[in-house]
């Protein structure tokens, strides 16, 4: 197992302190548009889950009116269920990671 030099850790700590202590200027270096935006990805994924739910609901209403096939309704509901379970699982993983980070000694 490789060890991290002490000066590397000290420099990383100084950089972290500098980032934490500087005033917010409305632009975060982490919000660079060349990198993926995690909040945007989560927002898009949530929008997709909501859209799938609305689609399943519309197919269910169409089936109730006699204008849709039961197979389409069951498929749409199953897809929505899988998408929702995936989002819940992702949420649980993010919360677990956050809790683990908060337990780390500073």
PDB file of N, CA and C in Angstrom:
ATOM      1  N   UNK A   1       0.837  -1.175   0.000  1.00  0.00           N
ATOM      2  CA  UNK A   1       0.000   0.000   0.000  1.00  0.00           C
ATOM      3  C   UNK A   1       0.883   1.240   0.000  1.00  0.00           C
ATOM      4  N   UNK A   2       0.637   2.149  -0.914  1.00  0.00           N
ATOM      5  CA  UNK A   2       1.440   3.356  -1.028  1.00  0.00           C
ATOM      6  C   UNK A   2       1.018   4.360   0.033  1.00  0.00           C
ATOM      7  N   UNK A   3       2.007   5.102   0.529  1.00  0.00           N
ATOM      8  CA  UNK A   3       1.703   6.138   1.509  1.00  0.00           C
ATOM      9  C   UNK A   3       1.734   7.492   0.829  1.00  0.00           C
ATOM     10  N   UNK A   4       0.937   8.391   1.331  1.00  0.00           N
ATOM     11  CA  UNK A   4       0.855   9.741   0.789  1.00  0.00           C
ATOM     12  C   UNK A   4       1.877  10.595   1.516  1.00  0.00           C
ATOM     13  N   UNK A   5       2.725  11.320   0.772  1.00  0.00           N
ATOM     14  CA  UNK A   5       3.704  12.179   1.440  1.00  0.00           C
ATOM     15  C   UNK A   5       3.007  13.223   2.311  1.00  0.00           C
ATOM     16  N   UNK A   6       3.666  13.592   3.404  1.00  0.00           N
ATOM     17  CA  UNK A   6       3.081  14.537   4.350  1.00  0.00           C
ATOM     18  C   UNK A   6       2.856  15.898   3.713  1.00  0.00           C
ATOM     19  N   UNK A   7       3.753  16.315   2.832  1.00  0.00           N
ATOM     20  CA  UNK A   7       3.577  17.630   2.224  1.00  0.00           C
ATOM     21  C   UNK A   7       2.381  17.651   1.284  1.00  0.00           C
ATOM     22  N   UNK A   8       2.055  16.536   0.660  1.00  0.00           N
ATOM     23  CA  UNK A   8       0.876  16.452  -0.199  1.00  0.00           C
ATOM     24  C   UNK A   8      -0.386  16.656   0.626  1.00  0.00           C
ATOM     25  N   UNK A   9      -0.457  15.989   1.774  1.00  0.00           N
ATOM     26  CA  UNK A   9      -1.616  16.123   2.648  1.00  0.00           C
ATOM     27  C   UNK A   9      -1.732  17.545   3.189  1.00  0.00           C
ATOM     28  N   UNK A  10      -0.597  18.136   3.544  1.00  0.00           N
ATOM     29  CA  UNK A  10      -0.609  19.503   4.067  1.00  0.00           C
ATOM     30  C   UNK A  10      -1.072  20.481   2.995  1.00  0.00           C
ATOM     31  N   UNK A  11      -0.610  20.301   1.766  1.00  0.00           N
ATOM     32  CA  UNK A  11      -1.033  21.172   0.669  1.00  0.00           C
ATOM     33  C   UNK A  11      -2.528  21.015   0.389  1.00  0.00           C
ATOM     34  N   UNK A  12      -3.001  19.794   0.417  1.00  0.00           N
ATOM     35  CA  UNK A  12      -4.425  19.548   0.190  1.00  0.00           C
ATOM     36  C   UNK A  12      -5.252  20.227   1.276  1.00  0.00           C
ATOM     37  N   UNK A  13      -4.761  20.170   2.506  1.00  0.00           N
ATOM     38  CA  UNK A  13      -5.477  20.818   3.609  1.00  0.00           C
ATOM     39  C   UNK A  13      -5.504  22.330   3.425  1.00  0.00           C
ATOM     40  N   UNK A  14      -4.387  22.914   3.007  1.00  0.00           N
ATOM     41  CA  UNK A  14      -4.327  24.358   2.782  1.00  0.00           C
ATOM     42  C   UNK A  14      -5.284  24.777   1.661  1.00  0.00           C
ATOM     43  N   UNK A  15      -5.329  23.998   0.603  1.00  0.00           N
ATOM     44  CA  UNK A  15      -6.237  24.314  -0.506  1.00  0.00           C
ATOM     45  C   UNK A  15      -7.684  24.236  -0.043  1.00  0.00           C
ATOM     46  N   UNK A  16      -8.009  23.196   0.725  1.00  0.00           N
ATOM     47  CA  UNK A  16      -9.382  23.046   1.232  1.00  0.00           C
ATOM     48  C   UNK A  16      -9.746  24.196   2.155  1.00  0.00           C
ATOM     49  N   UNK A  17      -8.819  24.609   3.013  1.00  0.00           N
ATOM     50  CA  UNK A  17      -9.074  25.735   3.906  1.00  0.00           C
ATOM     51  C   UNK A  17      -9.279  27.018   3.110  1.00  0.00           C
ATOM     52  N   UNK A  18      -8.483  27.214   2.065  1.00  0.00           N
ATOM     53  CA  UNK A  18      -8.620  28.401   1.233  1.00  0.00           C
ATOM     54  C   UNK A  18      -9.966  28.437   0.535  1.00  0.00           C
ATOM     55  N   UNK A  19     -10.432  27.282   0.068  1.00  0.00           N
ATOM     56  CA  UNK A  19     -11.733  27.234  -0.592  1.00  0.00           C
ATOM     57  C   UNK A  19     -12.865  27.474   0.400  1.00  0.00           C
ATOM     58  N   UNK A  20     -12.703  26.989   1.609  1.00  0.00           N
ATOM     59  CA  UNK A  20     -13.758  27.145   2.602  1.00  0.00           C
ATOM     60  C   UNK A  20     -13.819  28.561   3.147  1.00  0.00           C
ATOM     61  N   UNK A  21     -12.706  29.245   3.211  1.00  0.00           N
ATOM     62  CA  UNK A  21     -12.667  30.562   3.836  1.00  0.00           C
ATOM     63  C   UNK A  21     -12.848  31.721   2.867  1.00  0.00           C
ATOM     64  N   UNK A  22     -12.863  31.478   1.582  1.00  0.00           N
ATOM     65  CA  UNK A  22     -12.996  32.593   0.649  1.00  0.00           C
ATOM     66  C   UNK A  22     -14.469  32.963   0.493  1.00  0.00           C
ATOM     67  N   UNK A  23     -14.738  34.231   0.247  1.00  0.00           N
ATOM     68  CA  UNK A  23     -16.134  34.652   0.063  1.00  0.00           C
ATOM     69  C   UNK A  23     -16.684  34.102  -1.245  1.00  0.00           C
ATOM     70  N   UNK A  24     -17.966  33.816  -1.228  1.00  0.00           N
ATOM     71  CA  UNK A  24     -18.625  33.304  -2.429  1.00  0.00           C
ATOM     72  C   UNK A  24     -18.781  34.431  -3.438  1.00  0.00           C
ATOM     73  N   UNK A  25     -18.265  34.211  -4.622  1.00  0.00           N
ATOM     74  CA  UNK A  25     -18.328  35.234  -5.647  1.00  0.00           C
ATOM     75  C   UNK A  25     -19.331  34.888  -6.730  1.00  0.00           C
ATOM     76  N   UNK A  26     -20.218  33.966  -6.456  1.00  0.00           N
ATOM     77  CA  UNK A  26     -21.252  33.617  -7.412  1.00  0.00           C
ATOM     78  C   UNK A  26     -20.804  32.619  -8.467  1.00  0.00           C
ATOM     79  N   UNK A  27     -19.525  32.240  -8.446  1.00  0.00           N
ATOM     80  CA  UNK A  27     -19.034  31.277  -9.429  1.00  0.00           C
ATOM     81  C   UNK A  27     -18.177  30.255  -8.710  1.00  0.00           C
ATOM     82  N   UNK A  28     -18.558  29.028  -8.798  1.00  0.00           N
ATOM     83  CA  UNK A  28     -17.810  27.955  -8.186  1.00  0.00           C
ATOM     84  C   UNK A  28     -16.944  27.280  -9.240  1.00  0.00           C
ATOM     85  N   UNK A  29     -15.673  26.997  -8.932  1.00  0.00           N
ATOM     86  CA  UNK A  29     -14.846  26.311  -9.926  1.00  0.00           C
ATOM     87  C   UNK A  29     -15.368  24.915 -10.224  1.00  0.00           C
ATOM     88  N   UNK A  30     -16.151  24.354  -9.301  1.00  0.00           N
ATOM     89  CA  UNK A  30     -16.694  23.022  -9.530  1.00  0.00           C
ATOM     90  C   UNK A  30     -17.872  23.056 -10.490  1.00  0.00           C
ATOM     91  N   UNK A  31     -18.425  24.235 -10.733  1.00  0.00           N
ATOM     92  CA  UNK A  31     -19.576  24.352 -11.616  1.00  0.00           C
ATOM     93  C   UNK A  31     -19.144  24.608 -13.059  1.00  0.00           C
ATOM     94  N   UNK A  32     -17.925  24.230 -13.373  1.00  0.00           N
ATOM     95  CA  UNK A  32     -17.416  24.409 -14.730  1.00  0.00           C
ATOM     96  C   UNK A  32     -18.289  23.618 -15.705  1.00  0.00           C
ATOM     97  N   UNK A  33     -18.663  24.232 -16.783  1.00  0.00           N
ATOM     98  CA  UNK A  33     -19.595  23.617 -17.732  1.00  0.00           C
ATOM     99  C   UNK A  33     -18.965  22.491 -18.539  1.00  0.00           C
ATOM    100  N   UNK A  34     -17.658  22.314 -18.453  1.00  0.00           N
ATOM    101  CA  UNK A  34     -17.036  21.206 -19.168  1.00  0.00           C
ATOM    102  C   UNK A  34     -17.176  19.903 -18.395  1.00  0.00           C
ATOM    103  N   UNK A  35     -17.515  20.004 -17.136  1.00  0.00           N
ATOM    104  CA  UNK A  35     -17.700  18.815 -16.298  1.00  0.00           C
ATOM    105  C   UNK A  35     -19.192  18.512 -16.172  1.00  0.00           C
ATOM    106  N   UNK A  36     -19.524  17.249 -15.918  1.00  0.00           N
ATOM    107  CA  UNK A  36     -20.941  16.924 -15.694  1.00  0.00           C
ATOM    108  C   UNK A  36     -21.450  17.604 -14.421  1.00  0.00           C
ATOM    109  N   UNK A  37     -22.657  18.083 -14.448  1.00  0.00           N
ATOM    110  CA  UNK A  37     -23.287  18.746 -13.320  1.00  0.00           C
ATOM    111  C   UNK A  37     -24.137  17.724 -12.579  1.00  0.00           C
ATOM    112  N   UNK A  38     -23.710  17.348 -11.364  1.00  0.00           N
ATOM    113  CA  UNK A  38     -24.415  16.313 -10.615  1.00  0.00           C
ATOM    114  C   UNK A  38     -25.849  16.725 -10.315  1.00  0.00           C
ATOM    115  N   UNK A  39     -26.038  17.961  -9.888  1.00  0.00           N
ATOM    116  CA  UNK A  39     -27.395  18.428  -9.578  1.00  0.00           C
ATOM    117  C   UNK A  39     -28.267  18.387 -10.826  1.00  0.00           C
ATOM    118  N   UNK A  40     -27.696  18.741 -11.960  1.00  0.00           N
ATOM    119  CA  UNK A  40     -28.449  18.695 -13.214  1.00  0.00           C
ATOM    120  C   UNK A  40     -28.817  17.272 -13.598  1.00  0.00           C
ATOM    121  N   UNK A  41     -27.873  16.345 -13.381  1.00  0.00           N
ATOM    122  CA  UNK A  41     -28.167  14.945 -13.688  1.00  0.00           C
ATOM    123  C   UNK A  41     -29.278  14.413 -12.803  1.00  0.00           C
ATOM    124  N   UNK A  42     -29.246  14.760 -11.525  1.00  0.00           N
ATOM    125  CA  UNK A  42     -30.298  14.311 -10.602  1.00  0.00           C
ATOM    126  C   UNK A  42     -31.635  14.934 -10.994  1.00  0.00           C
ATOM    127  N   UNK A  43     -31.616  16.227 -11.330  1.00  0.00           N
ATOM    128  CA  UNK A  43     -32.845  16.920 -11.750  1.00  0.00           C
ATOM    129  C   UNK A  43     -33.430  16.270 -13.000  1.00  0.00           C
ATOM    130  N   UNK A  44     -32.579  15.966 -13.963  1.00  0.00           N
ATOM    131  CA  UNK A  44     -33.046  15.323 -15.195  1.00  0.00           C
ATOM    132  C   UNK A  44     -33.613  13.929 -14.920  1.00  0.00           C
ATOM    133  N   UNK A  45     -32.930  13.173 -14.051  1.00  0.00           N
ATOM    134  CA  UNK A  45     -33.400  11.830 -13.719  1.00  0.00           C
ATOM    135  C   UNK A  45     -34.753  11.888 -13.013  1.00  0.00           C
ATOM    136  N   UNK A  46     -34.908  12.849 -12.095  1.00  0.00           N
ATOM    137  CA  UNK A  46     -36.191  13.000 -11.413  1.00  0.00           C
ATOM    138  C   UNK A  46     -37.279  13.388 -12.406  1.00  0.00           C
ATOM    139  N   UNK A  47     -36.946  14.257 -13.342  1.00  0.00           N
ATOM    140  CA  UNK A  47     -37.914  14.646 -14.367  1.00  0.00           C
ATOM    141  C   UNK A  47     -38.335  13.462 -15.214  1.00  0.00           C
ATOM    142  N   UNK A  48     -37.368  12.590 -15.529  1.00  0.00           N
ATOM    143  CA  UNK A  48     -37.690  11.395 -16.307  1.00  0.00           C
ATOM    144  C   UNK A  48     -38.621  10.468 -15.538  1.00  0.00           C
ATOM    145  N   UNK A  49     -38.373  10.308 -14.241  1.00  0.00           N
ATOM    146  CA  UNK A  49     -39.232   9.441 -13.420  1.00  0.00           C
ATOM    147  C   UNK A  49     -40.641  10.022 -13.344  1.00  0.00           C
ATOM    148  N   UNK A  50     -40.732  11.331 -13.153  1.00  0.00           N
ATOM    149  CA  UNK A  50     -42.049  11.975 -13.095  1.00  0.00           C
ATOM    150  C   UNK A  50     -42.770  11.817 -14.431  1.00  0.00           C
ATOM    151  N   UNK A  51     -42.040  11.997 -15.535  1.00  0.00           N
ATOM    152  CA  UNK A  51     -42.654  11.855 -16.858  1.00  0.00           C
ATOM    153  C   UNK A  51     -43.136  10.425 -17.091  1.00  0.00           C
ATOM    154  N   UNK A  52     -42.348   9.443 -16.650  1.00  0.00           N
ATOM    155  CA  UNK A  52     -42.790   8.057 -16.784  1.00  0.00           C
ATOM    156  C   UNK A  52     -44.049   7.808 -15.958  1.00  0.00           C
ATOM    157  N   UNK A  53     -44.111   8.393 -14.776  1.00  0.00           N
ATOM    158  CA  UNK A  53     -45.304   8.256 -13.937  1.00  0.00           C
ATOM    159  C   UNK A  53     -46.530   8.858 -14.597  1.00  0.00           C
ATOM    160  N   UNK A  54     -46.359  10.014 -15.210  1.00  0.00           N
ATOM    161  CA  UNK A  54     -47.481  10.653 -15.906  1.00  0.00           C
ATOM    162  C   UNK A  54     -47.912   9.834 -17.113  1.00  0.00           C
ATOM    163  N   UNK A  55     -46.944   9.265 -17.808  1.00  0.00           N
ATOM    164  CA  UNK A  55     -47.264   8.425 -18.963  1.00  0.00           C
ATOM    165  C   UNK A  55     -48.050   7.184 -18.526  1.00  0.00           C
ATOM    166  N   UNK A  56     -47.602   6.561 -17.427  1.00  0.00           N
ATOM    167  CA  UNK A  56     -48.321   5.386 -16.915  1.00  0.00           C
ATOM    168  C   UNK A  56     -49.725   5.760 -16.476  1.00  0.00           C
ATOM    169  N   UNK A  57     -49.856   6.923 -15.859  1.00  0.00           N
ATOM    170  CA  UNK A  57     -51.180   7.378 -15.423  1.00  0.00           C
ATOM    171  C   UNK A  57     -52.091   7.634 -16.623  1.00  0.00           C
ATOM    172  N   UNK A  58     -51.542   8.242 -17.669  1.00  0.00           N
ATOM    173  CA  UNK A  58     -52.333   8.511 -18.877  1.00  0.00           C
ATOM    174  C   UNK A  58     -52.779   7.206 -19.531  1.00  0.00           C
ATOM    175  N   UNK A  59     -51.879   6.211 -19.563  1.00  0.00           N
ATOM    176  CA  UNK A  59     -52.252   4.919 -20.155  1.00  0.00           C
ATOM    177  C   UNK A  59     -53.303   4.215 -19.308  1.00  0.00           C
ATOM    178  N   UNK A  60     -53.216   4.376 -17.988  1.00  0.00           N
ATOM    179  CA  UNK A  60     -54.212   3.773 -17.108  1.00  0.00           C
ATOM    180  C   UNK A  60     -55.580   4.405 -17.340  1.00  0.00           C
ATOM    181  N   UNK A  61     -55.596   5.718 -17.475  1.00  0.00           N
ATOM    182  CA  UNK A  61     -56.873   6.400 -17.753  1.00  0.00           C
ATOM    183  C   UNK A  61     -57.416   6.019 -19.123  1.00  0.00           C
ATOM    184  N   UNK A  62     -56.521   5.873 -20.100  1.00  0.00           N
ATOM    185  CA  UNK A  62     -56.960   5.453 -21.434  1.00  0.00           C
ATOM    186  C   UNK A  62     -57.532   4.038 -21.384  1.00  0.00           C
ATOM    187  N   UNK A  63     -56.935   3.170 -20.578  1.00  0.00           N
ATOM    188  CA  UNK A  63     -57.460   1.817 -20.432  1.00  0.00           C
ATOM    189  C   UNK A  63     -58.840   1.841 -19.775  1.00  0.00           C
ATOM    190  N   UNK A  64     -59.001   2.703 -18.770  1.00  0.00           N
ATOM    191  CA  UNK A  64     -60.301   2.816 -18.095  1.00  0.00           C
ATOM    192  C   UNK A  64     -61.386   3.275 -19.055  1.00  0.00           C
ATOM    193  N   UNK A  65     -60.982   4.072 -20.055  1.00  0.00           N
ATOM    194  CA  UNK A  65     -61.938   4.539 -21.057  1.00  0.00           C
ATOM    195  C   UNK A  65     -62.098   3.545 -22.203  1.00  0.00           C
ATOM    196  N   UNK A  66     -61.348   2.440 -22.156  1.00  0.00           N
ATOM    197  CA  UNK A  66     -61.435   1.426 -23.198  1.00  0.00           C
ATOM    198  C   UNK A  66     -60.629   1.756 -24.439  1.00  0.00           C
ATOM    199  N   UNK A  67     -59.662   2.638 -24.329  1.00  0.00           N
ATOM    200  CA  UNK A  67     -58.888   3.057 -25.496  1.00  0.00           C
ATOM    201  C   UNK A  67     -57.445   2.574 -25.472  1.00  0.00           C
ATOM    202  N   UNK A  68     -57.073   1.719 -24.528  1.00  0.00           N
ATOM    203  CA  UNK A  68     -55.696   1.226 -24.443  1.00  0.00           C
ATOM    204  C   UNK A  68     -55.699  -0.254 -24.115  1.00  0.00           C
ATOM    205  N   UNK A  69     -54.606  -0.888 -24.430  1.00  0.00           N
ATOM    206  CA  UNK A  69     -54.442  -2.314 -24.174  1.00  0.00           C
ATOM    207  C   UNK A  69     -53.880  -2.511 -22.759  1.00  0.00           C
ATOM    208  N   UNK A  70     -54.306  -3.548 -22.082  1.00  0.00           N
ATOM    209  CA  UNK A  70     -53.866  -3.808 -20.716  1.00  0.00           C
ATOM    210  C   UNK A  70     -52.362  -4.088 -20.668  1.00  0.00           C
ATOM    211  N   UNK A  71     -51.815  -4.675 -21.703  1.00  0.00           N
ATOM    212  CA  UNK A  71     -50.373  -4.968 -21.729  1.00  0.00           C
ATOM    213  C   UNK A  71     -49.572  -3.674 -21.706  1.00  0.00           C
ATOM    214  N   UNK A  72     -50.026  -2.663 -22.438  1.00  0.00           N
ATOM    215  CA  UNK A  72     -49.344  -1.363 -22.436  1.00  0.00           C
ATOM    216  C   UNK A  72     -49.385  -0.722 -21.054  1.00  0.00           C
ATOM    217  N   UNK A  73     -50.519  -0.855 -20.381  1.00  0.00           N
ATOM    218  CA  UNK A  73     -50.665  -0.273 -19.051  1.00  0.00           C
ATOM    219  C   UNK A  73     -49.739  -0.975 -18.060  1.00  0.00           C
ATOM    220  N   UNK A  74     -49.733  -2.292 -18.081  1.00  0.00           N
ATOM    221  CA  UNK A  74     -48.890  -3.051 -17.161  1.00  0.00           C
ATOM    222  C   UNK A  74     -47.413  -2.751 -17.422  1.00  0.00           C
ATOM    223  N   UNK A  75     -47.020  -2.672 -18.681  1.00  0.00           N
ATOM    224  CA  UNK A  75     -45.635  -2.365 -19.028  1.00  0.00           C
ATOM    225  C   UNK A  75     -45.247  -0.973 -18.539  1.00  0.00           C
ATOM    226  N   UNK A  76     -46.102   0.016 -18.752  1.00  0.00           N
ATOM    227  CA  UNK A  76     -45.814   1.388 -18.321  1.00  0.00           C
ATOM    228  C   UNK A  76     -45.705   1.478 -16.805  1.00  0.00           C
ATOM    229  N   UNK A  77     -46.588   0.804 -16.093  1.00  0.00           N
ATOM    230  CA  UNK A  77     -46.546   0.823 -14.630  1.00  0.00           C
ATOM    231  C   UNK A  77     -45.289   0.128 -14.122  1.00  0.00           C
ATOM    232  N   UNK A  78     -44.914  -0.988 -14.739  1.00  0.00           N
ATOM    233  CA  UNK A  78     -43.707  -1.705 -14.328  1.00  0.00           C
ATOM    234  C   UNK A  78     -42.460  -0.866 -14.579  1.00  0.00           C
ATOM    235  N   UNK A  79     -42.399  -0.183 -15.727  1.00  0.00           N
ATOM    236  CA  UNK A  79     -41.252   0.676 -16.026  1.00  0.00           C
ATOM    237  C   UNK A  79     -41.157   1.827 -15.024  1.00  0.00           C
ATOM    238  N   UNK A  80     -42.284   2.386 -14.674  1.00  0.00           N
ATOM    239  CA  UNK A  80     -42.300   3.472 -13.693  1.00  0.00           C
ATOM    240  C   UNK A  80     -41.847   2.969 -12.331  1.00  0.00           C
ATOM    241  N   UNK A  81     -42.283   1.782 -11.962  1.00  0.00           N
ATOM    242  CA  UNK A  81     -41.896   1.204 -10.677  1.00  0.00           C
ATOM    243  C   UNK A  81     -40.388   0.978 -10.620  1.00  0.00           C
ATOM    244  N   UNK A  82     -39.812   0.447 -11.686  1.00  0.00           N
ATOM    245  CA  UNK A  82     -38.368   0.207 -11.735  1.00  0.00           C
ATOM    246  C   UNK A  82     -37.606   1.530 -11.659  1.00  0.00           C
ATOM    247  N   UNK A  83     -38.067   2.546 -12.379  1.00  0.00           N
ATOM    248  CA  UNK A  83     -37.402   3.851 -12.354  1.00  0.00           C
ATOM    249  C   UNK A  83     -37.467   4.463 -10.960  1.00  0.00           C
ATOM    250  N   UNK A  84     -38.596   4.359 -10.304  1.00  0.00           N
ATOM    251  CA  UNK A  84     -38.742   4.912  -8.963  1.00  0.00           C
ATOM    252  C   UNK A  84     -37.870   4.161  -7.960  1.00  0.00           C
ATOM    253  N   UNK A  85     -37.831   2.846  -8.052  1.00  0.00           N
ATOM    254  CA  UNK A  85     -36.976   2.059  -7.165  1.00  0.00           C
ATOM    255  C   UNK A  85     -35.503   2.398  -7.384  1.00  0.00           C
ATOM    256  N   UNK A  86     -35.125   2.648  -8.635  1.00  0.00           N
ATOM    257  CA  UNK A  86     -33.747   3.032  -8.930  1.00  0.00           C
ATOM    258  C   UNK A  86     -33.418   4.371  -8.298  1.00  0.00           C
ATOM    259  N   UNK A  87     -34.324   5.336  -8.400  1.00  0.00           N
ATOM    260  CA  UNK A  87     -34.090   6.643  -7.791  1.00  0.00           C
ATOM    261  C   UNK A  87     -34.014   6.551  -6.269  1.00  0.00           C
ATOM    262  N   UNK A  88     -34.842   5.737  -5.665  1.00  0.00           N
ATOM    263  CA  UNK A  88     -34.799   5.565  -4.213  1.00  0.00           C
ATOM    264  C   UNK A  88     -33.483   4.922  -3.807  1.00  0.00           C
ATOM    265  N   UNK A  89     -33.035   3.938  -4.572  1.00  0.00           N
ATOM    266  CA  UNK A  89     -31.761   3.288  -4.289  1.00  0.00           C
ATOM    267  C   UNK A  89     -30.602   4.275  -4.421  1.00  0.00           C
ATOM    268  N   UNK A  90     -30.639   5.106  -5.448  1.00  0.00           N
ATOM    269  CA  UNK A  90     -29.605   6.118  -5.633  1.00  0.00           C
ATOM    270  C   UNK A  90     -29.611   7.106  -4.477  1.00  0.00           C
ATOM    271  N   UNK A  91     -30.789   7.529  -4.065  1.00  0.00           N
ATOM    272  CA  UNK A  91     -30.898   8.439  -2.918  1.00  0.00           C
ATOM    273  C   UNK A  91     -30.289   7.825  -1.669  1.00  0.00           C
ATOM    274  N   UNK A  92     -30.590   6.544  -1.422  1.00  0.00           N
ATOM    275  CA  UNK A  92     -30.046   5.865  -0.255  1.00  0.00           C
ATOM    276  C   UNK A  92     -28.527   5.791  -0.309  1.00  0.00           C
ATOM    277  N   UNK A  93     -27.971   5.547  -1.503  1.00  0.00           N
ATOM    278  CA  UNK A  93     -26.510   5.482  -1.656  1.00  0.00           C
ATOM    279  C   UNK A  93     -25.875   6.842  -1.403  1.00  0.00           C
ATOM    280  N   UNK A  94     -26.486   7.908  -1.897  1.00  0.00           N
ATOM    281  CA  UNK A  94     -25.953   9.255  -1.690  1.00  0.00           C
ATOM    282  C   UNK A  94     -25.992   9.606  -0.208  1.00  0.00           C
ATOM    283  N   UNK A  95     -27.074   9.289   0.465  1.00  0.00           N
ATOM    284  CA  UNK A  95     -27.181   9.576   1.894  1.00  0.00           C
ATOM    285  C   UNK A  95     -26.154   8.773   2.678  1.00  0.00           C
ATOM    286  N   UNK A  96     -25.966   7.509   2.326  1.00  0.00           N
ATOM    287  CA  UNK A  96     -24.974   6.682   3.012  1.00  0.00           C
ATOM    288  C   UNK A  96     -23.566   7.241   2.797  1.00  0.00           C
ATOM    289  N   UNK A  97     -23.271   7.688   1.582  1.00  0.00           N
ATOM    290  CA  UNK A  97     -21.954   8.268   1.309  1.00  0.00           C
ATOM    291  C   UNK A  97     -21.762   9.549   2.113  1.00  0.00           C
ATOM    292  N   UNK A  98     -22.786  10.387   2.184  1.00  0.00           N
ATOM    293  CA  UNK A  98     -22.708  11.627   2.959  1.00  0.00           C
ATOM    294  C   UNK A  98     -22.463  11.315   4.432  1.00  0.00           C
ATOM    295  N   UNK A  99     -23.190  10.351   4.975  1.00  0.00           N
ATOM    296  CA  UNK A  99     -23.017   9.994   6.381  1.00  0.00           C
ATOM    297  C   UNK A  99     -21.613   9.463   6.640  1.00  0.00           C
ATOM    298  N   UNK A 100     -21.072   8.690   5.694  1.00  0.00           N
ATOM    299  CA  UNK A 100     -19.717   8.166   5.842  1.00  0.00           C
ATOM    300  C   UNK A 100     -18.693   9.297   5.811  1.00  0.00           C
ATOM    301  N   UNK A 101     -18.892  10.262   4.935  1.00  0.00           N
ATOM    302  CA  UNK A 101     -17.983  11.413   4.872  1.00  0.00           C
ATOM    303  C   UNK A 101     -18.052  12.209   6.175  1.00  0.00           C
ATOM    304  N   UNK A 102     -19.240  12.365   6.724  1.00  0.00           N
ATOM    305  CA  UNK A 102     -19.389  13.128   7.968  1.00  0.00           C
ATOM    306  C   UNK A 102     -18.739  12.419   9.144  1.00  0.00           C
ATOM    307  N   UNK A 103     -18.576  11.110   9.086  1.00  0.00           N
ATOM    308  CA  UNK A 103     -17.927  10.373  10.155  1.00  0.00           C
ATOM    309  C   UNK A 103     -16.403  10.418  10.067  1.00  0.00           C
ATOM    310  N   UNK A 104     -15.870  10.890   8.936  1.00  0.00           N
ATOM    311  CA  UNK A 104     -14.427  10.938   8.756  1.00  0.00           C
ATOM    312  C   UNK A 104     -13.811  11.985   9.690  1.00  0.00           C
ATOM    313  N   UNK A 105     -12.667  11.643  10.278  1.00  0.00           N
ATOM    314  CA  UNK A 105     -11.999  12.639  11.131  1.00  0.00           C
ATOM    315  C   UNK A 105     -11.404  13.754  10.275  1.00  0.00           C
ATOM    316  N   UNK A 106     -11.432  14.948  10.811  1.00  0.00           N
ATOM    317  CA  UNK A 106     -10.900  16.106  10.072  1.00  0.00           C
ATOM    318  C   UNK A 106      -9.506  16.419  10.522  1.00  0.00           C
TER     319      UNK A 106
END
